C-alpha atoms as a PDB file:
ATOM      1  CA  MET A   1     120.595  93.720 118.673  1.00  0.00           C
ATOM      2  CA  GLU A   2     122.728  96.810 118.120  1.00  0.00           C
ATOM      3  CA  VAL A   3     121.032  99.683 116.300  1.00  0.00           C
ATOM      4  CA  LYS A   4     122.893 102.743 114.982  1.00  0.00           C
ATOM      5  CA  ILE A   5     120.768 105.704 113.956  1.00  0.00           C
ATOM      6  CA  GLY A   6     122.163 108.562 111.925  1.00  0.00           C
ATOM      7  CA  VAL A   7     120.359 111.860 112.433  1.00  0.00           C
ATOM      8  CA  GLN A   8     120.603 114.725 109.946  1.00  0.00           C
ATOM      9  CA  HIS A   9     122.518 117.770 111.209  1.00  0.00           C
ATOM     10  CA  ALA A  10     123.784 115.852 114.277  1.00  0.00           C
ATOM     11  CA  PRO A  11     127.519 115.300 114.719  1.00  0.00           C
ATOM     12  CA  ARG A  12     127.174 111.823 116.270  1.00  0.00           C
ATOM     13  CA  GLU A  13     125.025 108.785 115.668  1.00  0.00           C
ATOM     14  CA  ILE A  14     122.696 107.276 118.256  1.00  0.00           C
ATOM     15  CA  VAL A  15     123.715 103.747 119.279  1.00  0.00           C
ATOM     16  CA  ILE A  16     121.367 101.577 121.313  1.00  0.00           C
ATOM     17  CA  GLU A  17     121.273  97.943 122.363  1.00  0.00           C
ATOM     18  CA  SER A  18     117.737  96.649 121.770  1.00  0.00           C
ATOM     19  CA  GLU A  19     116.008  93.401 122.628  1.00  0.00           C
ATOM     20  CA  GLN A  20     113.600  93.889 119.711  1.00  0.00           C
ATOM     21  CA  SER A  21     114.017  91.556 116.745  1.00  0.00           C
ATOM     22  CA  THR A  22     115.416  92.684 113.409  1.00  0.00           C
ATOM     23  CA  GLU A  23     111.943  92.388 111.880  1.00  0.00           C
ATOM     24  CA  GLU A  24     110.366  94.586 114.581  1.00  0.00           C
ATOM     25  CA  ILE A  25     113.025  97.256 114.076  1.00  0.00           C
ATOM     26  CA  GLN A  26     112.622  97.127 110.285  1.00  0.00           C
ATOM     27  CA  LYS A  27     108.848  97.529 110.594  1.00  0.00           C
ATOM     28  CA  ALA A  28     109.254 100.542 112.907  1.00  0.00           C
ATOM     29  CA  VAL A  29     111.754 102.194 110.527  1.00  0.00           C
ATOM     30  CA  SER A  30     109.572 101.454 107.504  1.00  0.00           C
ATOM     31  CA  ALA A  31     106.473 102.881 109.200  1.00  0.00           C
ATOM     32  CA  ALA A  32     108.395 106.043 110.111  1.00  0.00           C
ATOM     33  CA  LEU A  33     109.752 106.502 106.584  1.00  0.00           C
ATOM     34  CA  THR A  34     106.469 105.864 104.776  1.00  0.00           C
ATOM     35  CA  GLY A  35     104.704 108.515 106.815  1.00  0.00           C
ATOM     36  CA  ALA A  36     102.537 106.144 108.831  1.00  0.00           C
ATOM     37  CA  GLU A  37     104.312 107.418 111.952  1.00  0.00           C
ATOM     38  CA  LYS A  38     105.929 110.795 112.627  1.00  0.00           C
ATOM     39  CA  LEU A  39     108.533 109.312 114.989  1.00  0.00           C
ATOM     40  CA  LEU A  40     110.835 106.318 114.945  1.00  0.00           C
ATOM     41  CA  SER A  41     110.268 104.724 118.341  1.00  0.00           C
ATOM     42  CA  LEU A  42     112.590 101.980 119.623  1.00  0.00           C
ATOM     43  CA  ASN A  43     113.081 100.426 123.055  1.00  0.00           C
ATOM     44  CA  ASP A  44     116.578  99.820 124.377  1.00  0.00           C
ATOM     45  CA  ALA A  45     117.732  96.911 126.546  1.00  0.00           C
ATOM     46  CA  ARG A  46     117.507  99.049 129.722  1.00  0.00           C
ATOM     47  CA  GLY A  47     113.811  99.780 129.258  1.00  0.00           C
ATOM     48  CA  ARG A  48     114.254 103.291 127.871  1.00  0.00           C
ATOM     49  CA  LYS A  49     112.439 104.508 124.766  1.00  0.00           C
ATOM     50  CA  VAL A  50     114.326 106.325 121.984  1.00  0.00           C
ATOM     51  CA  LEU A  51     112.288 108.657 119.763  1.00  0.00           C
ATOM     52  CA  VAL A  52     113.702 110.199 116.582  1.00  0.00           C
ATOM     53  CA  PRO A  53     111.692 112.447 114.232  1.00  0.00           C
ATOM     54  CA  ALA A  54     111.151 110.512 110.992  1.00  0.00           C
ATOM     55  CA  ASP A  55     112.026 113.493 108.807  1.00  0.00           C
ATOM     56  CA  ARG A  56     115.488 113.723 110.446  1.00  0.00           C
ATOM     57  CA  LEU A  57     116.574 110.110 109.837  1.00  0.00           C
ATOM     58  CA  ALA A  58     119.741 109.796 107.767  1.00  0.00           C
ATOM     59  CA  TYR A  59     120.294 106.031 108.137  1.00  0.00           C
ATOM     60  CA  VAL A  60     119.570 103.083 110.419  1.00  0.00           C
ATOM     61  CA  GLU A  61     122.070 100.251 110.769  1.00  0.00           C
ATOM     62  CA  ILE A  62     120.863  97.018 112.370  1.00  0.00           C
ATOM     63  CA  GLY A  63     123.213  94.227 113.416  1.00  0.00           C
ATOM     64  CA  GLU A  64     124.833  92.214 116.119  1.00  0.00           C
ATOM     65  CA  PRO A  65     127.249  94.101 118.379  1.00  0.00           C
ATOM     66  CA  SER A  66     130.835  93.702 117.232  1.00  0.00           C
ATOM     67  CA  LYS A  67     133.291  91.885 119.444  1.00  0.00           C
ATOM     68  CA  HIS A  68     136.333  94.008 120.195  1.00  0.00           C
ATOM     69  CA  LYS A  69     139.624  92.175 119.913  1.00  0.00           C
ATOM     70  CA  VAL A  70     142.127  92.845 122.646  1.00  0.00           C
ATOM     71  CA  GLY A  71     145.872  92.456 122.544  1.00  0.00           C
ATOM     72  CA  PHE A  72     148.668  92.540 120.043  1.00  0.00           C
ATOM     73  CA  GLY A  73     148.579  90.423 116.942  1.00  0.00           C
ATOM     74  CA  ALA A  74     144.852  89.804 117.006  1.00  0.00           C
ATOM     75  CA  PRO A  75     143.784  88.948 113.436  1.00  0.00           C
END
């Protein structure tokens, strides 16, 4: 699952590839935004942990990684 995290006052978004399910990611984001947690904590596919302060979250986009089309005339 590809997760894009926008952070306030940061010029670039954080993009990770996670093996967590959409529901697990949604629960973690919801807990961070409701104040139950101070940090958004996600695990990436390489075993690393990404921590983002909940009060700095701008947006979180959850979805499948996009397939890049290669070549001329690709629709």
